[in-house]
Amino acid sequence: MSETHASDRPAGDYVVMGKLTSPYGVKGWLKVYSYTSPMDGILEYSEWLIELQGKRFPLQLVQGRRQGKGLVAQFKDIDSREAAESLAGGTIYLATRELPTLGRDEYYWYQLEGLKVVTLDGIRLGHVGYLFETGANDVLVVKGDDASLDQKERLLPFLPGEVIHDVNLDTGIMTVNWDPEF
């Protein structure tokens, strides 16, 4: 599974890929917090859509690199610390059409978030709220909702063939092999 996160998508088909956090140096570079895995995968995309203070605008990536434990990036026409400072806090979106096509039974996280989660016996557990990584496997956070068995939040390992029985993006349903009492 490839990691990308989505929250509120702007008009069109975009997915949240990270944040611009703060200026780096005096020549307009910015620190980037990436939601991609691997972290520097975000640097493979040259056109970023930035959302800041309710406005959206494109930025053209000139270059980027790892810096310490994070990333830094330089953008076209952003050539001073002040210009970089004005972008700090911006959310980075990428067009989903730009993302690599995945193989069968592979999913981006944003595709799984919001899916209804139902057991093999047809019991609705809720919906996928979000996912997170652990050392062993990714974990689904399933949140109970008005249509589910209860309002309980459940953590399910993302283990296709074991816990994850079926993912149907067309119907918006993920079928899981999971005991509702657990």
Protein backbone atom coordinates (compact mmCIF):
# COMPACT_ATOMS: atom_id res chain seq x y z
CA MET A 1 0.00 0.00 0.00
CA SER A 2 1.28 3.46 -0.83
CA GLU A 3 0.89 6.20 1.69
CA THR A 4 -0.85 9.44 0.85
CA HIS A 5 -3.32 11.23 3.02
CA ALA A 6 -6.43 13.16 2.17
CA SER A 7 -8.49 15.52 4.16
CA ASP A 8 -10.54 18.17 2.44
CA ARG A 9 -9.72 17.98 -1.24
CA PRO A 10 -9.95 21.13 -3.30
CA ALA A 11 -12.17 21.21 -6.35
CA GLY A 12 -10.97 18.66 -8.85
CA ASP A 13 -9.22 15.45 -8.06
CA TYR A 14 -6.39 16.26 -5.67
CA VAL A 15 -4.86 14.62 -2.63
CA VAL A 16 -3.01 16.16 0.33
CA MET A 17 0.68 15.28 0.16
CA GLY A 18 2.27 17.50 2.81
CA LYS A 19 2.81 20.97 4.26
CA LEU A 20 5.17 23.86 3.76
CA THR A 21 6.40 24.51 7.28
CA SER A 22 8.94 27.36 7.45
CA PRO A 23 11.65 29.18 5.50
CA TYR A 24 15.04 27.55 5.12
CA GLY A 25 17.90 29.98 4.63
CA VAL A 26 17.65 33.36 2.93
CA LYS A 27 17.22 32.41 -0.74
CA GLY A 28 13.55 31.41 -0.70
CA TRP A 29 13.82 27.73 0.20
CA LEU A 30 11.14 26.16 2.40
CA LYS A 31 11.07 23.22 4.76
CA VAL A 32 8.58 20.59 3.62
CA TYR A 33 6.73 18.08 5.77
CA SER A 34 5.87 15.20 3.45
CA TYR A 35 3.10 12.65 3.97
CA THR A 36 4.50 10.40 1.26
CA SER A 37 6.36 7.17 1.80
CA PRO A 38 9.22 7.40 1.10
CA MET A 39 9.36 10.94 2.42
CA ASP A 40 11.20 12.37 -0.59
CA GLY A 41 8.67 10.89 -3.04
CA ILE A 42 6.91 14.25 -3.03
CA LEU A 43 9.92 15.77 -4.79
CA GLU A 44 9.17 13.70 -7.90
CA TYR A 45 6.27 16.03 -8.76
CA SER A 46 7.04 19.41 -10.30
CA GLU A 47 3.60 21.06 -10.04
CA TRP A 48 2.16 21.53 -6.56
CA LEU A 49 -1.15 23.12 -5.68
CA ILE A 50 -0.84 25.10 -2.45
CA GLU A 51 -3.75 26.06 -0.23
CA LEU A 52 -3.11 28.89 2.18
CA GLN A 53 -5.62 31.08 4.00
CA GLY A 54 -8.49 29.80 1.87
CA LYS A 55 -6.74 30.49 -1.44
CA ARG A 56 -5.28 27.97 -3.86
CA PHE A 57 -2.44 28.57 -6.27
CA PRO A 58 0.13 26.51 -8.19
CA LEU A 59 3.84 26.42 -7.34
CA GLN A 60 6.49 25.08 -9.68
CA LEU A 61 9.15 23.03 -7.89
CA VAL A 62 12.65 23.97 -9.08
CA GLN A 63 14.55 21.58 -6.85
CA GLY A 64 14.32 19.78 -3.55
CA ARG A 65 16.45 17.55 -1.36
CA ARG A 66 16.74 15.84 1.99
CA GLN A 67 18.12 18.14 4.65
CA GLY A 68 18.81 16.53 8.01
CA LYS A 69 15.75 14.50 8.95
CA GLY A 70 13.46 16.45 6.64
CA LEU A 71 13.11 17.99 3.19
CA VAL A 72 13.71 21.42 1.75
CA ALA A 73 12.44 22.78 -1.57
CA GLN A 74 12.97 25.74 -3.87
CA PHE A 75 10.15 27.11 -6.05
CA LYS A 76 10.05 29.23 -9.17
CA ASP A 77 9.82 32.98 -8.38
CA ILE A 78 10.28 32.44 -4.62
CA ASP A 79 13.73 33.91 -4.10
CA SER A 80 13.80 35.55 -0.66
CA ARG A 81 13.23 34.54 2.92
CA GLU A 82 10.26 36.93 3.06
CA ALA A 83 8.62 35.29 0.04
CA ALA A 84 9.18 31.85 1.58
CA GLU A 85 7.79 33.06 4.91
CA SER A 86 4.55 34.09 3.19
CA LEU A 87 4.03 30.45 2.11
CA ALA A 88 4.70 28.85 5.51
CA GLY A 89 1.73 26.80 6.69
CA GLY A 90 0.49 26.06 3.18
CA THR A 91 -1.01 22.65 2.46
CA ILE A 92 0.46 20.79 -0.52
CA TYR A 93 -1.93 19.07 -2.93
CA LEU A 94 -1.06 16.98 -5.97
CA ALA A 95 -3.36 15.98 -8.79
CA THR A 96 -4.30 12.31 -8.38
CA ARG A 97 -3.81 11.86 -12.14
CA GLU A 98 -0.09 12.48 -11.52
CA LEU A 99 0.22 9.62 -9.03
CA PRO A 100 1.67 6.35 -10.34
CA THR A 101 -0.86 3.69 -11.30
CA LEU A 102 -0.89 0.97 -8.68
CA GLY A 103 -1.14 -2.75 -9.23
CA ARG A 104 -4.08 -4.96 -8.40
CA ASP A 105 -4.91 -4.95 -4.68
CA GLU A 106 -2.75 -1.86 -4.08
CA TYR A 107 -4.30 1.33 -2.77
CA TYR A 108 -3.37 4.84 -1.82
CA TRP A 109 -4.40 5.74 1.70
CA TYR A 110 -6.70 8.50 0.46
CA GLN A 111 -8.68 5.84 -1.46
CA LEU A 112 -9.32 3.87 1.73
CA GLU A 113 -10.24 6.78 4.00
CA GLY A 114 -14.01 7.01 4.32
CA LEU A 115 -14.79 3.47 3.11
CA LYS A 116 -17.53 1.64 5.02
CA VAL A 117 -16.09 -1.29 6.97
CA VAL A 118 -18.22 -4.44 7.14
CA THR A 119 -17.39 -7.88 8.58
CA LEU A 120 -17.72 -11.11 6.60
CA ASP A 121 -21.02 -11.60 8.49
CA GLY A 122 -22.34 -8.25 7.26
CA ILE A 123 -21.93 -6.34 10.53
CA ARG A 124 -21.02 -2.70 9.92
CA LEU A 125 -18.13 -1.58 12.13
CA GLY A 126 -18.05 2.00 10.85
CA HIS A 127 -15.80 3.71 8.34
CA VAL A 128 -12.07 4.11 7.81
CA GLY A 129 -11.15 7.35 9.56
CA TYR A 130 -7.46 7.26 8.77
CA LEU A 131 -4.42 4.99 8.64
CA PHE A 132 -1.02 5.03 10.28
CA GLU A 133 2.22 3.14 9.97
CA THR A 134 3.75 0.81 12.50
CA GLY A 135 6.94 -1.14 12.12
CA ALA A 136 5.13 -4.34 11.17
CA ASN A 137 2.18 -3.17 9.06
CA ASP A 138 -0.17 -0.28 8.40
CA VAL A 139 -3.16 0.11 10.71
CA LEU A 140 -6.72 1.18 9.85
CA VAL A 141 -8.54 3.34 12.37
CA VAL A 142 -12.18 2.35 11.98
CA LYS A 143 -14.57 4.85 13.55
CA GLY A 144 -18.07 3.86 14.58
CA ASP A 145 -20.87 5.93 13.08
CA ASP A 146 -24.66 6.18 13.14
CA ALA A 147 -25.07 3.13 10.88
CA SER A 148 -22.55 0.90 12.67
CA LEU A 149 -22.86 -1.72 15.40
CA ASP A 150 -21.65 0.81 17.98
CA GLN A 151 -19.67 4.05 18.23
CA LYS A 152 -16.46 2.20 19.13
CA GLU A 153 -13.15 3.04 17.48
CA ARG A 154 -11.26 -0.06 16.34
CA LEU A 155 -7.67 -0.54 15.18
CA LEU A 156 -7.39 -3.16 12.43
CA PRO A 157 -4.11 -4.26 10.90
CA PHE A 158 -4.04 -3.74 7.14
CA LEU A 159 -3.26 -7.34 6.26
CA PRO A 160 -4.76 -8.29 2.88
CA GLY A 161 -5.79 -11.94 2.75
CA GLU A 162 -5.90 -12.16 6.55
CA VAL A 163 -7.88 -9.25 7.98
CA ILE A 164 -8.73 -7.36 4.78
CA HIS A 165 -10.95 -9.66 2.75
CA ASP A 166 -12.06 -7.26 0.00
CA VAL A 167 -11.75 -3.59 -0.93
CA ASN A 168 -14.35 -2.34 -3.40
CA LEU A 169 -13.67 1.29 -4.30
CA ASP A 170 -16.71 1.37 -6.60
CA THR A 171 -19.18 0.52 -3.81
CA GLY A 172 -17.14 2.22 -1.07
CA ILE A 173 -17.07 -0.95 1.06
CA MET A 174 -14.18 -2.76 2.70
CA THR A 175 -14.99 -6.27 3.92
CA VAL A 176 -12.91 -7.50 6.84
CA ASN A 177 -12.39 -10.76 8.68
CA TRP A 178 -12.73 -9.28 12.18
CA ASP A 179 -14.56 -10.12 15.39
CA PRO A 180 -16.78 -7.10 16.25
CA GLU A 181 -16.22 -7.84 19.96
CA PHE A 182 -12.49 -7.23 19.61
